[in-house]
Protein backbone atom coordinates (compact mmCIF):
# COMPACT_ATOMS: atom_id res chain seq x y z
CA UNK A 1 105.49 76.28 103.89
CA UNK A 2 105.59 79.51 105.44
CA UNK A 3 104.36 82.44 103.12
CA UNK A 4 106.68 85.74 103.13
CA UNK A 5 104.79 88.80 102.42
CA UNK A 6 106.36 92.27 101.46
CA UNK A 7 103.94 95.38 101.90
CA UNK A 8 105.22 98.52 100.60
CA UNK A 9 104.20 102.47 101.31
CA UNK A 10 100.77 102.46 103.23
CA UNK A 11 100.80 106.25 104.02
CA UNK A 12 97.98 106.43 106.47
CA UNK A 13 95.52 104.21 104.62
CA UNK A 14 94.60 101.98 107.61
CA UNK A 15 91.31 100.61 105.92
CA UNK A 16 93.15 99.44 102.85
CA UNK A 17 96.09 97.85 105.02
CA UNK A 18 93.44 96.01 107.33
CA UNK A 19 91.63 94.68 104.19
CA UNK A 20 94.84 93.55 102.53
CA UNK A 21 95.95 91.70 105.42
CA UNK A 22 92.65 90.10 106.80
CA UNK A 23 90.96 89.63 103.41
CA UNK A 24 93.29 88.99 100.78
CA UNK A 25 96.74 87.73 102.59
CA UNK A 26 94.64 86.02 105.83
CA UNK A 27 98.61 85.31 107.59
CA UNK A 28 98.79 82.88 110.15
CA UNK A 29 101.21 83.29 112.85
CA UNK A 30 103.96 80.94 110.80
CA UNK A 31 103.91 83.66 108.17
CA UNK A 32 106.55 86.80 107.88
CA UNK A 33 105.16 90.25 107.12
CA UNK A 34 107.89 92.42 106.03
CA UNK A 35 106.96 96.04 105.53
CA UNK A 36 108.92 98.71 103.47
CA UNK A 37 108.17 101.88 105.40
CA UNK A 38 106.22 105.06 105.04
CA UNK A 39 103.28 104.23 107.32
CA UNK A 40 102.36 107.72 107.76
CA UNK A 41 101.53 110.89 106.04
CA UNK A 42 99.32 111.77 103.21
CA UNK A 43 96.56 109.54 104.12
CA UNK A 44 93.88 110.49 106.90
CA UNK A 45 94.43 107.30 109.08
CA UNK A 46 98.50 107.36 110.16
CA UNK A 47 97.73 106.90 113.90
CA UNK A 48 95.44 103.63 112.93
CA UNK A 49 98.06 102.25 110.59
CA UNK A 50 100.88 102.40 113.48
CA UNK A 51 98.33 101.16 115.88
CA UNK A 52 97.34 98.33 113.91
CA UNK A 53 101.01 97.46 113.11
CA UNK A 54 101.69 97.54 117.03
CA UNK A 55 98.83 95.11 117.58
CA UNK A 56 100.13 92.56 115.11
CA UNK A 57 103.59 93.13 117.00
CA UNK A 58 101.50 92.30 120.36
CA UNK A 59 99.82 89.41 118.94
CA UNK A 60 102.86 87.66 117.85
CA UNK A 61 102.57 87.82 114.41
CA UNK A 62 106.28 87.52 112.27
CA UNK A 63 106.93 91.17 111.53
CA UNK A 64 109.97 93.20 110.25
CA UNK A 65 109.32 96.89 109.68
CA UNK A 66 111.48 99.12 107.87
CA UNK A 67 112.14 102.84 108.48
CA UNK A 68 110.70 105.04 105.38
CA UNK A 69 111.54 108.71 104.91
CA UNK A 70 108.75 110.02 106.16
CA UNK A 71 108.98 108.30 109.45
CA UNK A 72 112.42 109.89 109.38
CA UNK A 73 111.14 113.10 108.75
CA UNK A 74 108.93 112.96 111.79
CA UNK A 75 111.48 111.86 114.26
CA UNK A 76 114.11 114.32 113.21
CA UNK A 77 111.34 117.10 113.03
CA UNK A 78 110.23 115.84 116.68
CA UNK A 79 113.68 116.32 117.54
CA UNK A 80 114.38 119.34 115.93
CA UNK A 81 111.56 121.24 117.97
CA UNK A 82 112.81 119.73 121.13
CA UNK A 83 116.06 121.58 120.55
CA UNK A 84 114.72 124.92 119.22
CA UNK A 85 116.45 127.84 120.97
CA UNK A 86 115.41 131.52 121.30
CA UNK A 87 118.18 134.26 119.85
CA UNK A 88 117.11 137.71 121.17
CA UNK A 89 113.69 136.87 122.19
CA UNK A 90 113.09 135.36 119.00
CA UNK A 91 112.48 131.40 118.71
CA UNK A 92 114.23 130.15 116.06
CA UNK A 93 112.11 128.14 113.32
CA UNK A 94 111.82 124.51 112.53
CA UNK A 95 112.61 124.50 108.57
CA UNK A 96 112.34 120.57 108.52
CA UNK A 97 109.08 120.56 110.44
CA UNK A 98 107.58 122.79 107.78
CA UNK A 99 108.92 120.48 105.36
CA UNK A 100 107.57 117.70 106.62
CA UNK A 101 104.11 119.15 107.35
CA UNK A 102 103.92 120.30 103.50
CA UNK A 103 104.79 116.56 102.45
CA UNK A 104 101.86 114.93 104.37
CA UNK A 105 102.90 115.86 108.19
CA UNK A 106 99.55 117.68 108.22
CA UNK A 107 97.74 114.98 107.86
CA UNK A 108 99.89 112.66 110.62
CA UNK A 109 99.35 115.52 113.07
CA UNK A 110 95.32 115.67 112.49
CA UNK A 111 95.27 111.98 112.94
CA UNK A 112 97.16 112.02 116.26
CA UNK A 113 95.17 114.83 117.15
CA UNK A 114 98.08 117.18 118.32
CA UNK A 115 98.79 120.73 117.18
CA UNK A 116 101.85 121.04 119.10
CA UNK A 117 104.60 118.59 117.45
CA UNK A 118 106.63 118.66 120.93
CA UNK A 119 103.58 116.93 122.37
CA UNK A 120 103.38 114.36 119.58
CA UNK A 121 103.11 110.65 121.96
CA UNK A 122 106.77 109.30 122.84
CA UNK A 123 105.43 105.55 122.38
CA UNK A 124 105.13 106.36 118.26
CA UNK A 125 108.44 108.29 118.37
CA UNK A 126 110.18 105.49 120.18
CA UNK A 127 108.58 103.01 117.96
CA UNK A 128 109.85 104.73 114.91
CA UNK A 129 113.28 104.70 116.09
CA UNK A 130 113.62 101.16 116.01
CA UNK A 131 112.88 100.42 112.83
CA UNK A 132 115.22 98.92 110.29
CA UNK A 133 117.03 100.26 107.57
CA UNK A 134 117.16 97.15 105.34
CA UNK A 135 116.58 93.32 105.41
CA UNK A 136 118.51 91.06 104.02
CA UNK A 137 117.21 87.54 103.07
CA UNK A 138 118.17 84.67 101.22
CA UNK A 139 117.74 85.55 97.64
CA UNK A 140 116.27 89.52 98.41
CA UNK A 141 116.90 92.75 99.70
CA UNK A 142 114.27 94.87 101.42
CA UNK A 143 114.67 98.32 101.48
CA UNK A 144 112.44 101.47 101.23
CA UNK A 145 114.07 103.37 98.71
CA UNK A 146 117.10 101.69 97.25
CA UNK A 147 120.93 101.35 97.47
CA UNK A 148 123.40 103.70 96.53
CA UNK A 149 126.15 101.64 94.62
CA UNK A 150 128.09 104.22 93.57
CA UNK A 151 129.82 103.72 97.19
CA UNK A 152 132.01 100.92 98.05
CA UNK A 153 129.72 99.54 100.06
CA UNK A 154 125.94 100.49 99.48
CA UNK A 155 124.85 99.28 102.92
CA UNK A 156 126.76 101.77 104.56
CA UNK A 157 124.84 104.61 102.76
CA UNK A 158 121.63 104.59 105.29
CA UNK A 159 120.35 108.08 103.81
CA UNK A 160 120.20 106.54 100.53
CA UNK A 161 118.10 103.80 101.68
CA UNK A 162 115.27 106.08 102.67
CA UNK A 163 115.48 108.88 100.12
CA UNK A 164 117.54 107.72 96.75
CA UNK A 165 115.01 107.58 93.39
CA UNK A 166 117.23 106.31 90.82
CA UNK A 167 120.09 103.84 90.95
CA UNK A 168 121.89 101.54 88.90
CA UNK A 169 122.48 98.12 90.35
CA UNK A 170 125.96 96.41 90.45
CA UNK A 171 124.48 92.79 91.41
CA UNK A 172 128.03 91.91 92.66
CA UNK A 173 127.63 94.06 95.53
CA UNK A 174 124.34 92.69 96.64
CA UNK A 175 125.58 89.19 96.18
CA UNK A 176 123.04 88.87 92.99
CA UNK A 177 120.01 89.26 95.07
CA UNK A 178 116.92 90.92 93.80
CA UNK A 179 116.26 94.46 95.36
CA UNK A 180 112.77 95.13 96.35
CA UNK A 181 111.58 98.41 97.59
CA UNK A 182 109.09 101.05 97.52
CA UNK A 183 109.46 104.98 97.78
CA UNK A 184 108.38 105.85 94.03
CA UNK A 185 105.34 105.03 92.84
CA UNK A 186 104.77 103.37 89.76
CA UNK A 187 101.83 101.54 87.83
CA UNK A 188 100.67 98.48 88.68
CA UNK A 189 101.30 97.47 84.99
CA UNK A 190 105.16 98.11 86.01
CA UNK A 191 104.76 96.54 89.05
CA UNK A 192 103.55 93.27 87.18
CA UNK A 193 106.53 93.51 84.64
CA UNK A 194 109.19 93.83 87.13
CA UNK A 195 108.02 90.59 89.38
CA UNK A 196 107.73 88.37 86.24
CA UNK A 197 110.73 89.46 83.81
CA UNK A 198 113.92 87.60 86.24
CA UNK A 199 116.02 90.34 83.99
CA UNK A 200 114.55 93.02 86.42
CA UNK A 201 117.23 93.21 89.15
CA UNK A 202 114.73 95.26 91.13
CA UNK A 203 111.18 95.17 92.17
CA UNK A 204 109.04 98.50 93.01
CA UNK A 205 106.14 97.93 94.92
CA UNK A 206 104.63 101.13 95.56
CA UNK A 207 101.57 101.58 93.61
CA UNK A 208 101.00 105.08 95.24
CA UNK A 209 98.25 103.86 97.83
CA UNK A 210 96.72 107.35 98.44
CA UNK A 211 97.00 108.22 94.66
CA UNK A 212 93.39 107.28 93.78
CA UNK A 213 92.59 109.79 90.86
CA UNK A 214 95.69 108.51 88.75
CA UNK A 215 94.59 105.92 86.31
CA UNK A 216 96.89 102.64 87.31
CA UNK A 217 97.69 103.96 90.75
CA UNK A 218 95.78 103.96 94.05
CA UNK A 219 96.26 100.25 95.38
CA UNK A 220 97.93 98.35 98.24
CA UNK A 221 100.23 95.88 96.92
CA UNK A 222 101.64 92.87 98.92
CA UNK A 223 104.29 90.18 97.28
CA UNK A 224 104.57 86.82 98.29
CA UNK A 225 108.13 85.71 98.00
CA UNK A 226 108.33 82.04 97.70
CA UNK A 227 105.72 81.85 94.38
CA UNK A 228 105.99 85.49 93.71
CA UNK A 229 102.59 85.81 93.34
CA UNK A 230 101.06 89.42 94.40
CA UNK A 231 97.65 90.72 95.81
CA UNK A 232 96.04 94.05 95.27
CA UNK A 233 94.00 95.90 97.33
CA UNK A 234 91.89 99.17 95.98
CA UNK A 235 91.92 102.15 98.28
CA UNK A 236 89.31 101.94 101.03
CA UNK A 237 90.09 105.33 102.84
CA UNK A 238 89.41 108.10 100.33
């Protein structure tokens, strides 16, 4: 039987990602790997993370990749930077870039060895532009942050898919499928509870891979959808 693995926020932890996939999951090319976004920022090796995912794609592994708010932050900051104008000889400031750099973009710029955002490699910007907002499977909805159930159709609100932090699920609006997401770091104890308690309509898999100094956090988790068994890889990047 094909295995279907879901992997949440990696945040520039390339060594941790490789160990999770190559030592714990060991996928065949018949299996599926679903990634929930936030490949970049905060950790030391954002470029290596994206390069590794690109390598898996080139090697014909079955990958589906979601857009995270951090990739969206980078792409929009990049576009803003290209469109800056000068007014009376003064160059406009890129407020979004300033926010992105503060929330982990600085580490991404260092990883890609660029100091001018306009020089960010287009290959990677284009790759991020092609990422999906959500994935609907037979029994699950995969999304980076969550869904806005206060709208008539939760799948119309793309901004919430990237940024929402709290949401009350209305099961009928998602055909009673469980929602699997990342974005908000939770403890390993809570992850285990949400996976094994069928009463939970959602599973948050984000254990804050970069949060190595906080007890119960700092790992990268992968969940197999057929068995609902999960693997935990402790951080190797910090």
